[in-house]
């Protein structure tokens, strides 16, 4: 998968250093993944939630943080739409962000 863009992740982990290792690990796995459908993601990330519009919500660092991505399976591109705390996540509409 081609992840766009790591910069959003690195900006977040500079503010929340305890999320750095988990976000770096997710990024590395996503970069090397070949996800053809949500079932490929679910097999690796059992707690991932799937939303309309090919959006996926990942729990980061044991659920302390949330990562919302939009995946284009046919082109193998992952767009990072949101990374934040649970409190910040509760304030957004993950289907539209």
N, C-alpha and C. Protein backbone atom coordinates (compact mmCIF):
# COMPACT_ATOMS: atom_id res chain seq x y z
N UNK A 1 0.85 -1.17 0.00
CA UNK A 1 0.00 0.00 0.00
C UNK A 1 0.89 1.24 0.00
N UNK A 2 0.41 2.24 -0.65
CA UNK A 2 1.09 3.53 -0.63
C UNK A 2 0.32 4.42 0.35
N UNK A 3 0.98 4.81 1.44
CA UNK A 3 0.33 5.58 2.50
C UNK A 3 0.59 7.07 2.30
N UNK A 4 -0.48 7.85 2.24
CA UNK A 4 -0.40 9.30 2.06
C UNK A 4 -1.04 9.94 3.29
N UNK A 5 -0.37 10.59 4.08
CA UNK A 5 1.02 10.92 4.16
C UNK A 5 1.53 10.65 5.58
N UNK A 6 2.75 10.22 5.65
CA UNK A 6 3.35 9.92 6.95
C UNK A 6 3.48 11.18 7.81
N UNK A 7 3.55 12.32 7.16
CA UNK A 7 3.72 13.58 7.89
C UNK A 7 2.62 13.79 8.93
N UNK A 8 1.39 13.42 8.64
CA UNK A 8 0.31 13.56 9.62
C UNK A 8 0.60 12.73 10.86
N UNK A 9 1.15 11.54 10.64
CA UNK A 9 1.49 10.68 11.78
C UNK A 9 2.63 11.28 12.59
N UNK A 10 3.67 11.72 11.91
CA UNK A 10 4.84 12.25 12.64
C UNK A 10 4.50 13.54 13.39
N UNK A 11 3.64 14.36 12.83
CA UNK A 11 3.20 15.56 13.56
C UNK A 11 2.49 15.16 14.84
N UNK A 12 1.67 14.11 14.75
CA UNK A 12 0.93 13.68 15.93
C UNK A 12 1.86 13.09 16.98
N UNK A 13 2.79 12.24 16.58
CA UNK A 13 3.63 11.61 17.60
C UNK A 13 4.64 12.58 18.20
N UNK A 14 4.91 13.68 17.55
CA UNK A 14 5.74 14.70 18.20
C UNK A 14 4.98 15.33 19.37
N UNK A 15 3.67 15.43 19.25
CA UNK A 15 2.85 15.98 20.33
C UNK A 15 2.49 14.90 21.37
N UNK A 16 2.46 13.65 20.93
CA UNK A 16 2.11 12.51 21.79
C UNK A 16 3.17 11.42 21.62
N UNK A 17 4.34 11.62 22.24
CA UNK A 17 5.46 10.69 22.04
C UNK A 17 5.14 9.23 22.38
N UNK A 18 4.19 9.01 23.27
CA UNK A 18 3.85 7.63 23.63
C UNK A 18 3.16 6.89 22.48
N UNK A 19 2.71 7.60 21.46
CA UNK A 19 2.07 6.98 20.30
C UNK A 19 3.06 6.66 19.18
N UNK A 20 4.29 7.15 19.30
CA UNK A 20 5.26 7.05 18.20
C UNK A 20 5.52 5.61 17.76
N UNK A 21 5.86 4.74 18.70
CA UNK A 21 6.19 3.36 18.32
C UNK A 21 5.02 2.65 17.65
N UNK A 22 3.83 2.82 18.19
CA UNK A 22 2.66 2.16 17.63
C UNK A 22 2.33 2.70 16.23
N UNK A 23 2.43 4.00 16.04
CA UNK A 23 2.15 4.58 14.72
C UNK A 23 3.21 4.20 13.70
N UNK A 24 4.47 4.17 14.12
CA UNK A 24 5.54 3.74 13.22
C UNK A 24 5.35 2.29 12.80
N UNK A 25 4.96 1.45 13.75
CA UNK A 25 4.72 0.04 13.44
C UNK A 25 3.54 -0.12 12.48
N UNK A 26 2.45 0.63 12.72
CA UNK A 26 1.30 0.56 11.82
C UNK A 26 1.71 1.00 10.42
N UNK A 27 2.44 2.11 10.32
CA UNK A 27 2.87 2.63 9.02
C UNK A 27 3.71 1.60 8.27
N UNK A 28 4.65 1.00 8.96
CA UNK A 28 5.52 0.01 8.32
C UNK A 28 4.71 -1.17 7.81
N UNK A 29 3.78 -1.65 8.61
CA UNK A 29 2.94 -2.77 8.18
C UNK A 29 2.06 -2.38 7.01
N UNK A 30 1.46 -1.20 7.08
CA UNK A 30 0.57 -0.76 6.00
C UNK A 30 1.34 -0.59 4.70
N UNK A 31 2.54 -0.05 4.79
CA UNK A 31 3.36 0.15 3.59
C UNK A 31 3.66 -1.17 2.87
N UNK A 32 3.82 -2.22 3.63
CA UNK A 32 4.18 -3.52 3.05
C UNK A 32 2.96 -4.42 2.81
N UNK A 33 1.80 -3.94 3.16
CA UNK A 33 0.58 -4.76 3.03
C UNK A 33 0.04 -4.71 1.60
N UNK A 34 -0.74 -5.72 1.29
CA UNK A 34 -1.51 -5.74 0.05
C UNK A 34 -2.94 -6.07 0.45
N UNK A 35 -3.69 -5.04 0.79
CA UNK A 35 -5.06 -5.21 1.24
C UNK A 35 -5.98 -5.15 0.03
N UNK A 36 -6.70 -6.23 -0.23
CA UNK A 36 -7.63 -6.29 -1.35
C UNK A 36 -9.06 -5.99 -0.92
N UNK A 37 -9.31 -6.15 0.40
CA UNK A 37 -10.67 -5.95 0.91
C UNK A 37 -10.60 -5.78 2.42
N UNK A 38 -11.72 -5.37 3.03
CA UNK A 38 -11.74 -5.24 4.49
C UNK A 38 -11.38 -6.54 5.22
N UNK A 39 -11.69 -7.67 4.64
CA UNK A 39 -11.37 -8.93 5.32
C UNK A 39 -9.87 -9.12 5.49
N UNK A 40 -9.07 -8.60 4.56
CA UNK A 40 -7.61 -8.67 4.71
C UNK A 40 -7.15 -7.87 5.92
N UNK A 41 -7.78 -6.73 6.14
CA UNK A 41 -7.43 -5.88 7.28
C UNK A 41 -7.91 -6.54 8.57
N UNK A 42 -9.13 -7.03 8.55
CA UNK A 42 -9.72 -7.64 9.75
C UNK A 42 -8.90 -8.84 10.23
N UNK A 43 -8.31 -9.57 9.29
CA UNK A 43 -7.49 -10.73 9.65
C UNK A 43 -6.28 -10.33 10.48
N UNK A 44 -5.75 -9.15 10.24
CA UNK A 44 -4.57 -8.67 10.97
C UNK A 44 -4.95 -7.76 12.14
N UNK A 45 -5.98 -6.95 11.96
CA UNK A 45 -6.40 -5.97 12.96
C UNK A 45 -7.84 -6.28 13.35
N UNK A 46 -8.01 -7.19 14.28
CA UNK A 46 -9.34 -7.63 14.68
C UNK A 46 -10.23 -6.55 15.25
N UNK A 47 -9.62 -5.51 15.81
CA UNK A 47 -10.43 -4.44 16.41
C UNK A 47 -10.73 -3.30 15.44
N UNK A 48 -10.28 -3.42 14.20
CA UNK A 48 -10.55 -2.36 13.21
C UNK A 48 -12.04 -2.26 12.95
N UNK A 49 -12.50 -1.04 12.79
CA UNK A 49 -13.91 -0.79 12.46
C UNK A 49 -13.98 -0.26 11.04
N UNK A 50 -15.02 -0.69 10.33
CA UNK A 50 -15.17 -0.31 8.93
C UNK A 50 -16.38 0.59 8.78
N UNK A 51 -16.17 1.69 8.06
CA UNK A 51 -17.20 2.69 7.85
C UNK A 51 -17.49 2.81 6.36
N UNK A 52 -18.62 3.43 6.01
CA UNK A 52 -18.90 3.65 4.59
C UNK A 52 -17.77 4.45 3.92
N UNK A 53 -17.66 4.31 2.62
CA UNK A 53 -16.65 5.06 1.88
C UNK A 53 -15.26 4.48 2.01
N UNK A 54 -15.17 3.18 2.29
CA UNK A 54 -13.87 2.51 2.44
C UNK A 54 -13.00 3.13 3.52
N UNK A 55 -13.65 3.59 4.57
CA UNK A 55 -12.90 4.13 5.71
C UNK A 55 -12.73 3.05 6.77
N UNK A 56 -11.57 3.11 7.41
CA UNK A 56 -11.23 2.14 8.45
C UNK A 56 -10.73 2.91 9.66
N UNK A 57 -11.19 2.50 10.83
CA UNK A 57 -10.76 3.09 12.09
C UNK A 57 -9.90 2.06 12.81
N UNK A 58 -8.66 2.44 13.08
CA UNK A 58 -7.72 1.58 13.80
C UNK A 58 -7.55 2.11 15.22
N UNK A 59 -7.51 1.20 16.17
CA UNK A 59 -7.15 1.54 17.54
C UNK A 59 -5.63 1.52 17.63
N UNK A 60 -5.07 2.57 18.15
CA UNK A 60 -3.61 2.70 18.25
C UNK A 60 -3.22 2.72 19.72
N UNK A 61 -2.14 2.00 20.01
CA UNK A 61 -1.60 1.92 21.37
C UNK A 61 -2.66 1.44 22.35
N UNK A 62 -3.19 0.26 22.04
CA UNK A 62 -4.16 -0.34 22.94
C UNK A 62 -5.46 0.44 23.06
N UNK A 63 -5.79 1.22 22.03
CA UNK A 63 -7.04 1.97 22.05
C UNK A 63 -6.93 3.36 22.64
N UNK A 64 -5.72 3.79 22.99
CA UNK A 64 -5.55 5.14 23.52
C UNK A 64 -5.78 6.21 22.44
N UNK A 65 -5.48 5.84 21.22
CA UNK A 65 -5.60 6.77 20.10
C UNK A 65 -6.37 6.11 18.97
N UNK A 66 -6.84 6.94 18.04
CA UNK A 66 -7.59 6.46 16.87
C UNK A 66 -6.93 6.97 15.60
N UNK A 67 -6.93 6.11 14.60
CA UNK A 67 -6.42 6.45 13.28
C UNK A 67 -7.52 6.12 12.27
N UNK A 68 -7.92 7.12 11.49
CA UNK A 68 -8.94 6.92 10.46
C UNK A 68 -8.27 7.06 9.11
N UNK A 69 -8.46 6.05 8.28
CA UNK A 69 -7.89 6.09 6.93
C UNK A 69 -8.99 5.81 5.92
N UNK A 70 -8.73 6.23 4.71
CA UNK A 70 -9.61 5.89 3.59
C UNK A 70 -8.75 5.09 2.62
N UNK A 71 -9.26 3.93 2.22
CA UNK A 71 -8.47 3.02 1.40
C UNK A 71 -9.08 2.89 0.01
N UNK A 72 -8.22 3.03 -0.97
CA UNK A 72 -8.59 2.74 -2.36
C UNK A 72 -7.93 1.40 -2.69
N UNK A 73 -8.70 0.33 -2.54
CA UNK A 73 -8.15 -1.01 -2.71
C UNK A 73 -7.62 -1.25 -4.12
N UNK A 74 -8.30 -0.72 -5.12
CA UNK A 74 -7.89 -0.98 -6.50
C UNK A 74 -6.56 -0.32 -6.86
N UNK A 75 -6.25 0.82 -6.27
CA UNK A 75 -4.98 1.50 -6.55
C UNK A 75 -3.96 1.30 -5.43
N UNK A 76 -4.36 0.62 -4.35
CA UNK A 76 -3.47 0.34 -3.22
C UNK A 76 -2.95 1.61 -2.57
N UNK A 77 -3.86 2.57 -2.38
CA UNK A 77 -3.51 3.83 -1.73
C UNK A 77 -4.31 3.98 -0.44
N UNK A 78 -3.61 4.36 0.63
CA UNK A 78 -4.22 4.62 1.92
C UNK A 78 -4.05 6.11 2.22
N UNK A 79 -5.16 6.80 2.42
CA UNK A 79 -5.12 8.22 2.77
C UNK A 79 -5.40 8.35 4.27
N UNK A 80 -4.48 8.95 4.97
CA UNK A 80 -4.69 9.20 6.40
C UNK A 80 -5.62 10.39 6.53
N UNK A 81 -6.76 10.17 7.15
CA UNK A 81 -7.77 11.21 7.28
C UNK A 81 -7.76 11.86 8.66
N UNK A 82 -7.37 11.09 9.69
CA UNK A 82 -7.39 11.61 11.07
C UNK A 82 -6.51 10.73 11.93
N UNK A 83 -5.79 11.36 12.83
CA UNK A 83 -5.11 10.65 13.91
C UNK A 83 -5.29 11.52 15.15
N UNK A 84 -5.73 10.91 16.24
CA UNK A 84 -5.98 11.70 17.43
C UNK A 84 -6.36 10.87 18.63
N UNK A 85 -6.66 11.56 19.69
CA UNK A 85 -7.10 10.92 20.93
C UNK A 85 -8.55 10.47 20.77
N UNK A 86 -8.99 9.63 21.69
CA UNK A 86 -10.40 9.22 21.68
C UNK A 86 -11.31 10.43 21.84
N UNK A 87 -10.91 11.35 22.69
CA UNK A 87 -11.72 12.55 22.92
C UNK A 87 -11.88 13.36 21.63
N UNK A 88 -10.79 13.53 20.89
CA UNK A 88 -10.86 14.26 19.62
C UNK A 88 -11.66 13.47 18.59
N UNK A 89 -11.51 12.16 18.59
CA UNK A 89 -12.25 11.31 17.65
C UNK A 89 -13.75 11.44 17.87
N UNK A 90 -14.16 11.53 19.11
CA UNK A 90 -15.58 11.64 19.43
C UNK A 90 -16.20 12.94 18.89
N UNK A 91 -15.37 13.90 18.54
CA UNK A 91 -15.85 15.19 18.06
C UNK A 91 -15.92 15.29 16.53
N UNK A 92 -15.46 14.26 15.84
CA UNK A 92 -15.45 14.31 14.38
C UNK A 92 -16.50 13.35 13.81
N UNK A 93 -16.79 13.52 12.55
CA UNK A 93 -17.61 12.56 11.82
C UNK A 93 -16.64 11.78 10.94
N UNK A 94 -16.27 10.59 11.38
CA UNK A 94 -15.25 9.78 10.71
C UNK A 94 -15.66 9.37 9.30
N UNK A 95 -16.94 9.44 9.01
CA UNK A 95 -17.41 9.12 7.66
C UNK A 95 -17.20 10.26 6.68
N UNK A 96 -16.95 11.45 7.20
CA UNK A 96 -16.83 12.61 6.32
C UNK A 96 -15.46 13.29 6.37
N UNK A 97 -14.71 13.07 7.40
CA UNK A 97 -13.44 13.77 7.55
C UNK A 97 -12.44 13.36 6.47
